[in-house]
């Protein structure tokens, strides 16, 4: 049994070494990055992604027919947010400051400081217009200063999460259950 665990641990360590894509100052995110050709994925600074998101640099759809892969560089700029279960396809460039909605399938380049959503992802509005829309609904809550540590690849503590939750409840005039 020990030998099985040792073997599995070696495989996991080897896989981690094999994944080599370029990323800016945030080393921890929730995206799955192409494992076949990670060298063709480039991610800028201050990248935040939600669980289930995928970033691809290859497409194997022609493999069974022609034994060929489509491989294109995929670039994600600085200050980009990638929503839950969003998929970025090969060859796409997401420019600085973009917000990609949950479940979006990004098939084309995304302009700077824009919000896209849907399948395929389409332009929704500018980031500024999105912020104003959220303000008008009174659904914006400031994150505690401690949340800035995520931009340095550090995890939030339970105290950080509690402080945020307290802010949300206080803003809405509620008491936590």
N, C-alpha and C. Protein backbone atom coordinates (compact mmCIF):
# COMPACT_ATOMS: atom_id res chain seq x y z
N UNK A 1 0.82 -1.19 0.00
CA UNK A 1 0.00 0.00 0.00
C UNK A 1 0.87 1.27 0.00
N UNK A 2 1.96 1.23 0.80
CA UNK A 2 2.87 2.38 0.84
C UNK A 2 3.45 2.67 -0.54
N UNK A 3 3.79 1.61 -1.26
CA UNK A 3 4.38 1.78 -2.59
C UNK A 3 3.41 2.46 -3.55
N UNK A 4 2.14 2.16 -3.45
CA UNK A 4 1.12 2.79 -4.30
C UNK A 4 1.08 4.29 -4.02
N UNK A 5 1.07 4.65 -2.74
CA UNK A 5 1.03 6.07 -2.39
C UNK A 5 2.29 6.79 -2.84
N UNK A 6 3.45 6.14 -2.69
CA UNK A 6 4.69 6.74 -3.16
C UNK A 6 4.65 6.98 -4.67
N UNK A 7 4.17 5.98 -5.40
CA UNK A 7 4.07 6.10 -6.86
C UNK A 7 3.13 7.26 -7.24
N UNK A 8 1.96 7.31 -6.62
CA UNK A 8 1.00 8.38 -6.91
C UNK A 8 1.59 9.74 -6.57
N UNK A 9 2.29 9.85 -5.44
CA UNK A 9 2.90 11.12 -5.06
C UNK A 9 3.94 11.56 -6.08
N UNK A 10 4.75 10.62 -6.59
CA UNK A 10 5.74 10.95 -7.61
C UNK A 10 5.06 11.45 -8.88
N UNK A 11 3.96 10.82 -9.27
CA UNK A 11 3.22 11.25 -10.46
C UNK A 11 2.68 12.66 -10.29
N UNK A 12 2.13 12.93 -9.11
CA UNK A 12 1.59 14.27 -8.84
C UNK A 12 2.70 15.31 -8.91
N UNK A 13 3.83 15.03 -8.27
CA UNK A 13 4.96 15.96 -8.28
C UNK A 13 5.48 16.17 -9.71
N UNK A 14 5.55 15.10 -10.50
CA UNK A 14 6.02 15.19 -11.87
C UNK A 14 5.06 16.04 -12.69
N UNK A 15 3.74 15.86 -12.50
CA UNK A 15 2.76 16.65 -13.22
C UNK A 15 2.89 18.14 -12.89
N UNK A 16 3.12 18.45 -11.63
CA UNK A 16 3.25 19.86 -11.24
C UNK A 16 4.45 20.50 -11.93
N UNK A 17 5.53 19.76 -12.07
CA UNK A 17 6.71 20.30 -12.76
C UNK A 17 6.44 20.49 -14.24
N UNK A 18 5.60 19.64 -14.83
CA UNK A 18 5.32 19.67 -16.26
C UNK A 18 4.50 20.90 -16.64
N UNK A 19 3.64 21.38 -15.75
CA UNK A 19 2.78 22.52 -16.04
C UNK A 19 3.62 23.78 -15.94
N UNK A 20 3.87 24.40 -17.08
CA UNK A 20 4.76 25.56 -17.12
C UNK A 20 4.18 26.62 -18.04
N UNK A 21 3.31 27.46 -17.49
CA UNK A 21 2.77 28.57 -18.26
C UNK A 21 3.23 29.87 -17.62
N UNK A 22 3.20 30.93 -18.39
CA UNK A 22 3.65 32.23 -17.90
C UNK A 22 2.51 32.91 -17.16
N UNK A 23 2.78 33.37 -15.94
CA UNK A 23 1.76 34.07 -15.16
C UNK A 23 2.42 35.20 -14.39
N UNK A 24 1.69 36.27 -14.22
CA UNK A 24 2.19 37.46 -13.52
C UNK A 24 2.29 37.23 -12.03
N UNK A 25 1.91 38.24 -11.25
CA UNK A 25 2.15 38.22 -9.81
C UNK A 25 1.20 37.34 -9.01
N UNK A 26 0.12 36.84 -9.60
CA UNK A 26 -0.80 35.98 -8.86
C UNK A 26 -0.49 34.53 -9.24
N UNK A 27 0.02 33.79 -8.30
CA UNK A 27 0.41 32.41 -8.58
C UNK A 27 -0.69 31.42 -8.23
N UNK A 28 -1.73 31.87 -7.54
CA UNK A 28 -2.83 30.99 -7.16
C UNK A 28 -4.10 31.52 -7.80
N UNK A 29 -4.79 30.66 -8.50
CA UNK A 29 -6.07 31.01 -9.09
C UNK A 29 -6.88 29.74 -9.21
N UNK A 30 -8.12 29.83 -9.63
CA UNK A 30 -9.01 28.67 -9.67
C UNK A 30 -9.18 28.08 -11.07
N UNK A 31 -8.42 28.50 -12.04
CA UNK A 31 -8.56 28.01 -13.41
C UNK A 31 -7.77 26.74 -13.65
N UNK A 32 -8.30 25.89 -14.50
CA UNK A 32 -7.53 24.77 -15.02
C UNK A 32 -6.87 25.27 -16.30
N UNK A 33 -5.56 25.14 -16.37
CA UNK A 33 -4.80 25.62 -17.52
C UNK A 33 -4.41 24.43 -18.38
N UNK A 34 -4.49 24.62 -19.69
CA UNK A 34 -4.16 23.58 -20.66
C UNK A 34 -2.97 22.75 -20.20
N UNK A 35 -3.16 21.44 -20.08
CA UNK A 35 -2.06 20.59 -19.60
C UNK A 35 -1.25 19.99 -20.75
N UNK A 36 -1.76 20.07 -21.98
CA UNK A 36 -1.03 19.51 -23.12
C UNK A 36 0.07 20.46 -23.60
N UNK A 37 -0.25 21.76 -23.69
CA UNK A 37 0.72 22.74 -24.17
C UNK A 37 0.61 24.02 -23.32
N UNK A 38 0.89 23.91 -22.01
CA UNK A 38 0.74 25.07 -21.13
C UNK A 38 1.66 26.23 -21.50
N UNK A 39 2.75 25.93 -22.21
CA UNK A 39 3.69 26.98 -22.60
C UNK A 39 3.05 28.01 -23.53
N UNK A 40 1.90 27.69 -24.11
CA UNK A 40 1.20 28.61 -25.00
C UNK A 40 0.12 29.42 -24.27
N UNK A 41 0.13 29.38 -22.95
CA UNK A 41 -0.79 30.19 -22.15
C UNK A 41 0.03 31.24 -21.42
N UNK A 42 -0.44 32.49 -21.53
CA UNK A 42 0.23 33.61 -20.88
C UNK A 42 -0.81 34.41 -20.10
N UNK A 43 -0.58 34.60 -18.80
CA UNK A 43 -1.52 35.30 -17.93
C UNK A 43 -0.79 36.46 -17.27
N UNK A 44 -1.41 37.63 -17.30
CA UNK A 44 -0.80 38.84 -16.73
C UNK A 44 -0.96 38.95 -15.22
N UNK A 45 -0.70 40.13 -14.70
CA UNK A 45 -0.78 40.42 -13.27
C UNK A 45 -2.23 40.57 -12.81
N UNK A 46 -2.44 40.34 -11.53
CA UNK A 46 -3.74 40.56 -10.86
C UNK A 46 -4.88 39.78 -11.50
N UNK A 47 -4.61 38.55 -11.87
CA UNK A 47 -5.61 37.67 -12.47
C UNK A 47 -6.39 36.98 -11.36
N UNK A 48 -7.71 37.05 -11.45
CA UNK A 48 -8.57 36.35 -10.50
C UNK A 48 -9.53 35.50 -11.30
N UNK A 49 -9.67 34.24 -10.89
CA UNK A 49 -10.60 33.37 -11.59
C UNK A 49 -11.41 32.56 -10.59
N UNK A 50 -12.64 32.28 -10.98
CA UNK A 50 -13.56 31.51 -10.15
C UNK A 50 -13.42 30.02 -10.47
N UNK A 51 -13.90 29.17 -9.58
CA UNK A 51 -13.79 27.72 -9.79
C UNK A 51 -14.45 27.26 -11.09
N UNK A 52 -13.84 26.23 -11.67
CA UNK A 52 -14.39 25.61 -12.88
C UNK A 52 -13.97 26.26 -14.17
N UNK A 53 -13.27 27.38 -14.11
CA UNK A 53 -12.85 28.05 -15.34
C UNK A 53 -11.69 27.30 -15.98
N UNK A 54 -11.64 27.37 -17.32
CA UNK A 54 -10.65 26.62 -18.08
C UNK A 54 -10.01 27.54 -19.12
N UNK A 55 -8.68 27.43 -19.27
CA UNK A 55 -7.94 28.21 -20.26
C UNK A 55 -7.22 27.22 -21.16
N UNK A 56 -7.55 27.23 -22.45
CA UNK A 56 -7.00 26.27 -23.40
C UNK A 56 -6.08 26.93 -24.42
N UNK A 57 -5.09 26.18 -24.88
CA UNK A 57 -4.21 26.62 -25.96
C UNK A 57 -4.23 25.61 -27.10
N UNK A 58 -4.97 24.53 -26.93
CA UNK A 58 -5.05 23.52 -27.99
C UNK A 58 -6.49 23.07 -28.18
N UNK A 59 -6.73 22.52 -29.35
CA UNK A 59 -8.04 21.97 -29.72
C UNK A 59 -7.76 20.63 -30.41
N UNK A 60 -8.29 19.55 -29.86
CA UNK A 60 -8.03 18.21 -30.38
C UNK A 60 -9.15 17.70 -31.29
N UNK A 61 -10.03 18.59 -31.74
CA UNK A 61 -11.19 18.14 -32.52
C UNK A 61 -10.80 17.46 -33.84
N UNK A 62 -9.65 17.76 -34.40
CA UNK A 62 -9.22 17.14 -35.66
C UNK A 62 -8.34 15.91 -35.46
N UNK A 63 -8.08 15.58 -34.20
CA UNK A 63 -7.16 14.48 -33.93
C UNK A 63 -7.66 13.14 -34.48
N UNK A 64 -8.90 12.79 -34.20
CA UNK A 64 -9.39 11.48 -34.65
C UNK A 64 -9.53 11.39 -36.17
N UNK A 65 -9.68 12.52 -36.83
CA UNK A 65 -9.83 12.51 -38.29
C UNK A 65 -8.50 12.60 -39.02
N UNK A 66 -7.60 13.47 -38.52
CA UNK A 66 -6.37 13.77 -39.26
C UNK A 66 -5.09 13.64 -38.44
N UNK A 67 -5.22 13.19 -37.18
CA UNK A 67 -4.06 13.08 -36.30
C UNK A 67 -3.35 14.44 -36.15
N UNK A 68 -4.16 15.50 -36.03
CA UNK A 68 -3.63 16.86 -35.92
C UNK A 68 -4.31 17.61 -34.79
N UNK A 69 -3.58 18.57 -34.22
CA UNK A 69 -4.10 19.46 -33.20
C UNK A 69 -4.02 20.90 -33.69
N UNK A 70 -5.00 21.69 -33.31
CA UNK A 70 -4.91 23.14 -33.51
C UNK A 70 -4.26 23.68 -32.24
N UNK A 71 -3.16 24.41 -32.37
CA UNK A 71 -2.44 24.98 -31.23
C UNK A 71 -2.23 26.46 -31.49
N UNK A 72 -2.73 27.30 -30.57
CA UNK A 72 -2.56 28.75 -30.70
C UNK A 72 -2.31 29.35 -29.32
N UNK A 73 -1.51 30.40 -29.29
CA UNK A 73 -1.21 31.08 -28.03
C UNK A 73 -2.48 31.75 -27.49
N UNK A 74 -2.72 31.57 -26.20
CA UNK A 74 -3.85 32.20 -25.51
C UNK A 74 -3.27 33.18 -24.50
N UNK A 75 -3.73 34.44 -24.58
CA UNK A 75 -3.15 35.50 -23.75
C UNK A 75 -4.25 36.16 -22.92
N UNK A 76 -3.98 36.27 -21.63
CA UNK A 76 -4.89 36.96 -20.72
C UNK A 76 -4.10 38.11 -20.11
N UNK A 77 -4.61 39.32 -20.25
CA UNK A 77 -3.91 40.52 -19.79
C UNK A 77 -3.93 40.71 -18.29
N UNK A 78 -3.58 41.91 -17.87
CA UNK A 78 -3.56 42.29 -16.46
C UNK A 78 -4.96 42.64 -15.98
N UNK A 79 -5.20 42.44 -14.69
CA UNK A 79 -6.44 42.88 -14.03
C UNK A 79 -7.68 42.26 -14.67
N UNK A 80 -7.62 40.98 -14.98
CA UNK A 80 -8.73 40.27 -15.62
C UNK A 80 -9.42 39.37 -14.61
N UNK A 81 -10.75 39.34 -14.68
CA UNK A 81 -11.54 38.41 -13.87
C UNK A 81 -12.19 37.40 -14.81
N UNK A 82 -12.06 36.12 -14.48
CA UNK A 82 -12.65 35.02 -15.25
C UNK A 82 -13.67 34.34 -14.37
N UNK A 83 -14.96 34.40 -14.77
CA UNK A 83 -16.06 33.87 -13.96
C UNK A 83 -16.10 32.35 -13.88
N UNK A 84 -16.92 31.86 -12.96
CA UNK A 84 -17.08 30.43 -12.73
C UNK A 84 -17.48 29.71 -14.01
N UNK A 85 -16.80 28.60 -14.29
CA UNK A 85 -17.08 27.73 -15.43
C UNK A 85 -16.94 28.40 -16.79
N UNK A 86 -16.24 29.51 -16.84
CA UNK A 86 -15.95 30.15 -18.14
C UNK A 86 -14.86 29.34 -18.84
N UNK A 87 -14.90 29.35 -20.17
CA UNK A 87 -13.92 28.63 -20.97
C UNK A 87 -13.30 29.61 -21.95
N UNK A 88 -11.97 29.68 -21.96
CA UNK A 88 -11.24 30.52 -22.91
C UNK A 88 -10.62 29.58 -23.93
N UNK A 89 -11.00 29.73 -25.19
CA UNK A 89 -10.53 28.83 -26.24
C UNK A 89 -9.18 29.26 -26.80
N UNK A 90 -8.49 28.36 -27.50
CA UNK A 90 -7.17 28.66 -28.04
C UNK A 90 -7.16 29.86 -28.98
N UNK A 91 -6.08 30.63 -28.90
CA UNK A 91 -5.90 31.76 -29.81
C UNK A 91 -6.58 33.04 -29.39
N UNK A 92 -7.24 33.03 -28.25
CA UNK A 92 -7.97 34.21 -27.79
C UNK A 92 -7.03 35.11 -26.99
N UNK A 93 -7.22 36.42 -27.14
CA UNK A 93 -6.54 37.40 -26.29
C UNK A 93 -7.61 38.14 -25.51
N UNK A 94 -7.49 38.11 -24.19
CA UNK A 94 -8.37 38.87 -23.31
C UNK A 94 -7.53 40.05 -22.83
N UNK A 95 -7.91 41.24 -23.23
CA UNK A 95 -7.12 42.43 -22.92
C UNK A 95 -7.33 42.90 -21.49
N UNK A 96 -6.44 43.80 -21.05
CA UNK A 96 -6.41 44.29 -19.67
C UNK A 96 -7.78 44.77 -19.19
N UNK A 97 -8.06 44.44 -17.92
CA UNK A 97 -9.24 44.97 -17.25
C UNK A 97 -10.56 44.33 -17.62
N UNK A 98 -10.55 43.27 -18.40
CA UNK A 98 -11.81 42.65 -18.83
C UNK A 98 -12.43 41.80 -17.72
N UNK A 99 -13.74 41.68 -17.79
CA UNK A 99 -14.50 40.79 -16.91
C UNK A 99 -15.22 39.79 -17.79
N UNK A 100 -15.01 38.50 -17.51
CA UNK A 100 -15.63 37.43 -18.28
C UNK A 100 -16.70 36.80 -17.38
N UNK A 101 -17.95 36.82 -17.82
CA UNK A 101 -19.06 36.31 -17.02
C UNK A 101 -19.01 34.81 -16.79
N UNK A 102 -19.70 34.37 -15.76
CA UNK A 102 -19.78 32.95 -15.43
C UNK A 102 -20.38 32.18 -16.60
N UNK A 103 -19.78 31.04 -16.93
CA UNK A 103 -20.28 30.18 -17.98
C UNK A 103 -20.01 30.66 -19.39
N UNK A 104 -19.31 31.76 -19.54
CA UNK A 104 -19.01 32.29 -20.87
C UNK A 104 -18.06 31.36 -21.62
N UNK A 105 -18.25 31.28 -22.92
CA UNK A 105 -17.31 30.57 -23.78
C UNK A 105 -16.68 31.62 -24.68
N UNK A 106 -15.41 31.94 -24.40
CA UNK A 106 -14.73 33.03 -25.08
C UNK A 106 -14.07 32.48 -26.34
N UNK A 107 -14.65 32.84 -27.49
CA UNK A 107 -14.19 32.35 -28.78
C UNK A 107 -13.43 33.40 -29.58
N UNK A 108 -13.56 34.68 -29.16
CA UNK A 108 -12.92 35.79 -29.87
C UNK A 108 -12.24 36.70 -28.87
N UNK A 109 -11.34 37.54 -29.36
CA UNK A 109 -10.63 38.48 -28.50
C UNK A 109 -11.61 39.38 -27.75
N UNK A 110 -11.21 39.77 -26.54
CA UNK A 110 -12.03 40.63 -25.69
C UNK A 110 -11.30 41.96 -25.52
N UNK A 111 -12.01 43.06 -25.77
CA UNK A 111 -11.42 44.40 -25.69
C UNK A 111 -11.12 44.78 -24.25
N UNK A 112 -10.24 45.75 -24.10
CA UNK A 112 -9.82 46.28 -22.81
C UNK A 112 -11.03 46.86 -22.05
N UNK A 113 -11.08 46.58 -20.74
CA UNK A 113 -12.10 47.14 -19.84
C UNK A 113 -13.53 46.91 -20.30
N UNK A 114 -13.81 45.72 -20.81
CA UNK A 114 -15.17 45.39 -21.21
C UNK A 114 -15.65 44.15 -20.45
N UNK A 115 -16.97 44.00 -20.41
CA UNK A 115 -17.61 42.83 -19.81
C UNK A 115 -18.22 42.02 -20.93
N UNK A 116 -17.92 40.71 -20.95
CA UNK A 116 -18.53 39.82 -21.93
C UNK A 116 -19.17 38.66 -21.17
N UNK A 117 -20.22 38.09 -21.78
CA UNK A 117 -20.90 36.95 -21.16
C UNK A 117 -21.62 36.16 -22.25
N UNK A 118 -21.97 34.93 -21.94
CA UNK A 118 -22.76 34.11 -22.85
C UNK A 118 -21.95 33.07 -23.59
N UNK A 119 -22.65 32.32 -24.42
CA UNK A 119 -22.04 31.26 -25.23
C UNK A 119 -22.57 31.37 -26.65
N UNK A 120 -21.74 31.89 -27.56
CA UNK A 120 -20.40 32.42 -27.35
C UNK A 120 -20.44 33.76 -26.62
N UNK A 121 -19.34 34.11 -25.97
CA UNK A 121 -19.28 35.35 -25.21
C UNK A 121 -19.47 36.55 -26.12
N UNK A 122 -20.32 37.46 -25.69
CA UNK A 122 -20.59 38.69 -26.45
C UNK A 122 -20.45 39.89 -25.51
N UNK A 123 -20.18 41.03 -26.11
CA UNK A 123 -20.03 42.29 -25.38
C UNK A 123 -21.32 42.59 -24.62
N UNK A 124 -21.19 42.96 -23.34
CA UNK A 124 -22.33 43.34 -22.52
C UNK A 124 -22.29 44.84 -22.24
N UNK A 125 -21.14 45.32 -21.74
CA UNK A 125 -20.97 46.73 -21.40
C UNK A 125 -19.52 46.97 -21.03
N UNK A 126 -19.22 48.21 -20.68
CA UNK A 126 -17.87 48.50 -20.18
C UNK A 126 -17.82 48.12 -18.70
N UNK A 127 -16.62 48.01 -18.15
CA UNK A 127 -16.47 47.71 -16.73
C UNK A 127 -17.08 48.83 -15.90
N UNK A 128 -16.87 50.07 -16.34
CA UNK A 128 -17.43 51.22 -15.62
C UNK A 128 -18.96 51.17 -15.60
N UNK A 129 -19.57 50.86 -16.75
CA UNK A 129 -21.04 50.74 -16.80
C UNK A 129 -21.54 49.62 -15.89
N UNK A 130 -20.79 48.53 -15.83
CA UNK A 130 -21.17 47.41 -14.97
C UNK A 130 -21.11 47.83 -13.50
N UNK A 131 -20.03 48.54 -13.13
CA UNK A 131 -19.92 49.04 -11.76
C UNK A 131 -21.09 49.95 -11.41
N UNK A 132 -21.45 50.87 -12.32
CA UNK A 132 -22.56 51.79 -12.08
C UNK A 132 -23.88 51.05 -11.94
N UNK A 133 -24.06 50.01 -12.74
CA UNK A 133 -25.27 49.18 -12.66
C UNK A 133 -25.36 48.51 -11.28
N UNK A 134 -24.25 47.98 -10.81
CA UNK A 134 -24.23 47.34 -9.49
C UNK A 134 -24.46 48.36 -8.39
N UNK A 135 -23.90 49.57 -8.55
CA UNK A 135 -24.11 50.64 -7.56
C UNK A 135 -25.59 51.00 -7.48
N UNK A 136 -26.25 51.09 -8.63
CA UNK A 136 -27.67 51.47 -8.63
C UNK A 136 -28.54 50.40 -7.97
N UNK A 137 -28.08 49.17 -7.96
CA UNK A 137 -28.81 48.09 -7.29
C UNK A 137 -28.41 47.99 -5.81
N UNK A 138 -27.45 48.81 -5.40
CA UNK A 138 -26.91 48.79 -4.04
C UNK A 138 -26.39 47.41 -3.66
N UNK A 139 -25.75 46.74 -4.59
CA UNK A 139 -25.24 45.40 -4.28
C UNK A 139 -23.72 45.36 -4.15
N UNK A 140 -23.07 46.53 -4.11
CA UNK A 140 -21.61 46.55 -3.94
C UNK A 140 -21.23 46.61 -2.47
N UNK A 141 -20.26 45.80 -2.09
CA UNK A 141 -19.73 45.78 -0.73
C UNK A 141 -18.21 45.85 -0.83
N UNK A 142 -17.61 46.75 -0.09
CA UNK A 142 -16.16 46.87 -0.11
C UNK A 142 -15.52 45.65 0.56
N UNK A 143 -14.46 45.16 -0.07
CA UNK A 143 -13.71 44.05 0.51
C UNK A 143 -12.76 44.60 1.57
N UNK A 144 -12.54 43.85 2.63
CA UNK A 144 -11.56 44.29 3.63
C UNK A 144 -10.17 44.42 3.00
N UNK A 145 -9.34 45.29 3.57
CA UNK A 145 -7.98 45.46 3.06
C UNK A 145 -7.22 44.14 3.00
N UNK A 146 -7.54 43.23 3.89
CA UNK A 146 -6.82 41.94 3.94
C UNK A 146 -7.01 41.12 2.66
N UNK A 147 -8.04 41.41 1.89
CA UNK A 147 -8.28 40.68 0.64
C UNK A 147 -7.20 40.97 -0.40
N UNK A 148 -6.44 42.06 -0.23
CA UNK A 148 -5.37 42.39 -1.17
C UNK A 148 -4.29 41.32 -1.20
N UNK A 149 -4.20 40.52 -0.14
CA UNK A 149 -3.18 39.47 -0.10
C UNK A 149 -3.39 38.43 -1.19
N UNK A 150 -4.61 38.32 -1.72
CA UNK A 150 -4.86 37.38 -2.82
C UNK A 150 -4.03 37.75 -4.04
N UNK A 151 -3.77 39.04 -4.22
CA UNK A 151 -2.98 39.49 -5.36
C UNK A 151 -1.51 39.10 -5.22
N UNK A 152 -1.14 38.65 -4.04
CA UNK A 152 0.23 38.15 -3.82
C UNK A 152 0.24 36.63 -3.70
N UNK A 153 -0.86 36.00 -4.11
CA UNK A 153 -0.92 34.55 -4.12
C UNK A 153 -1.14 33.92 -2.76
N UNK A 154 -1.59 34.68 -1.78
CA UNK A 154 -1.81 34.14 -0.44
C UNK A 154 -3.29 33.87 -0.22
N UNK A 155 -3.58 32.85 0.56
CA UNK A 155 -4.96 32.46 0.83
C UNK A 155 -5.58 33.36 1.90
N UNK A 156 -6.89 33.49 1.83
CA UNK A 156 -7.62 34.23 2.84
C UNK A 156 -7.77 33.35 4.08
N UNK A 157 -7.77 33.98 5.24
CA UNK A 157 -7.97 33.25 6.49
C UNK A 157 -9.45 33.23 6.83
N UNK A 158 -9.82 32.43 7.80
CA UNK A 158 -11.21 32.40 8.24
C UNK A 158 -11.61 33.76 8.83
N UNK A 159 -10.64 34.46 9.44
CA UNK A 159 -10.92 35.80 9.98
C UNK A 159 -11.23 36.79 8.84
N UNK A 160 -10.48 36.68 7.74
CA UNK A 160 -10.73 37.54 6.58
C UNK A 160 -12.15 37.32 6.05
N UNK A 161 -12.51 36.06 5.92
CA UNK A 161 -13.85 35.73 5.42
C UNK A 161 -14.93 36.22 6.37
N UNK A 162 -14.71 36.06 7.67
CA UNK A 162 -15.68 36.52 8.67
C UNK A 162 -15.86 38.03 8.59
N UNK A 163 -14.75 38.76 8.42
CA UNK A 163 -14.82 40.22 8.32
C UNK A 163 -15.65 40.63 7.10
N UNK A 164 -15.44 39.95 5.98
CA UNK A 164 -16.21 40.25 4.77
C UNK A 164 -17.70 39.96 5.00
N UNK A 165 -17.98 38.81 5.57
CA UNK A 165 -19.38 38.45 5.83
C UNK A 165 -20.03 39.44 6.77
N UNK A 166 -19.31 39.89 7.79
CA UNK A 166 -19.84 40.91 8.71
C UNK A 166 -20.16 42.19 7.96
N UNK A 167 -19.27 42.61 7.02
CA UNK A 167 -19.52 43.80 6.21
C UNK A 167 -20.79 43.66 5.39
N UNK A 168 -20.99 42.50 4.78
CA UNK A 168 -22.17 42.27 3.95
C UNK A 168 -23.44 42.36 4.79
N UNK A 169 -23.45 41.70 5.92
CA UNK A 169 -24.64 41.72 6.77
C UNK A 169 -24.91 43.12 7.30
N UNK A 170 -23.86 43.83 7.73
CA UNK A 170 -24.02 45.19 8.25
C UNK A 170 -24.56 46.13 7.18
N UNK A 171 -24.04 46.01 5.96
CA UNK A 171 -24.50 46.86 4.86
C UNK A 171 -25.99 46.66 4.58
N UNK A 172 -26.45 45.45 4.76
CA UNK A 172 -27.85 45.13 4.50
C UNK A 172 -28.72 45.23 5.75
N UNK A 173 -28.16 45.74 6.84
CA UNK A 173 -28.92 45.93 8.08
C UNK A 173 -29.38 44.61 8.68
N UNK A 174 -28.60 43.58 8.53
CA UNK A 174 -28.98 42.26 9.04
C UNK A 174 -27.99 41.80 10.10
N UNK A 175 -28.44 40.86 10.89
CA UNK A 175 -27.57 40.24 11.89
C UNK A 175 -27.30 38.82 11.40
N UNK A 176 -26.03 38.42 11.49
CA UNK A 176 -25.68 37.07 11.02
C UNK A 176 -26.42 36.00 11.84
N UNK A 177 -26.90 34.97 11.16
CA UNK A 177 -27.59 33.89 11.89
C UNK A 177 -26.63 33.10 12.75
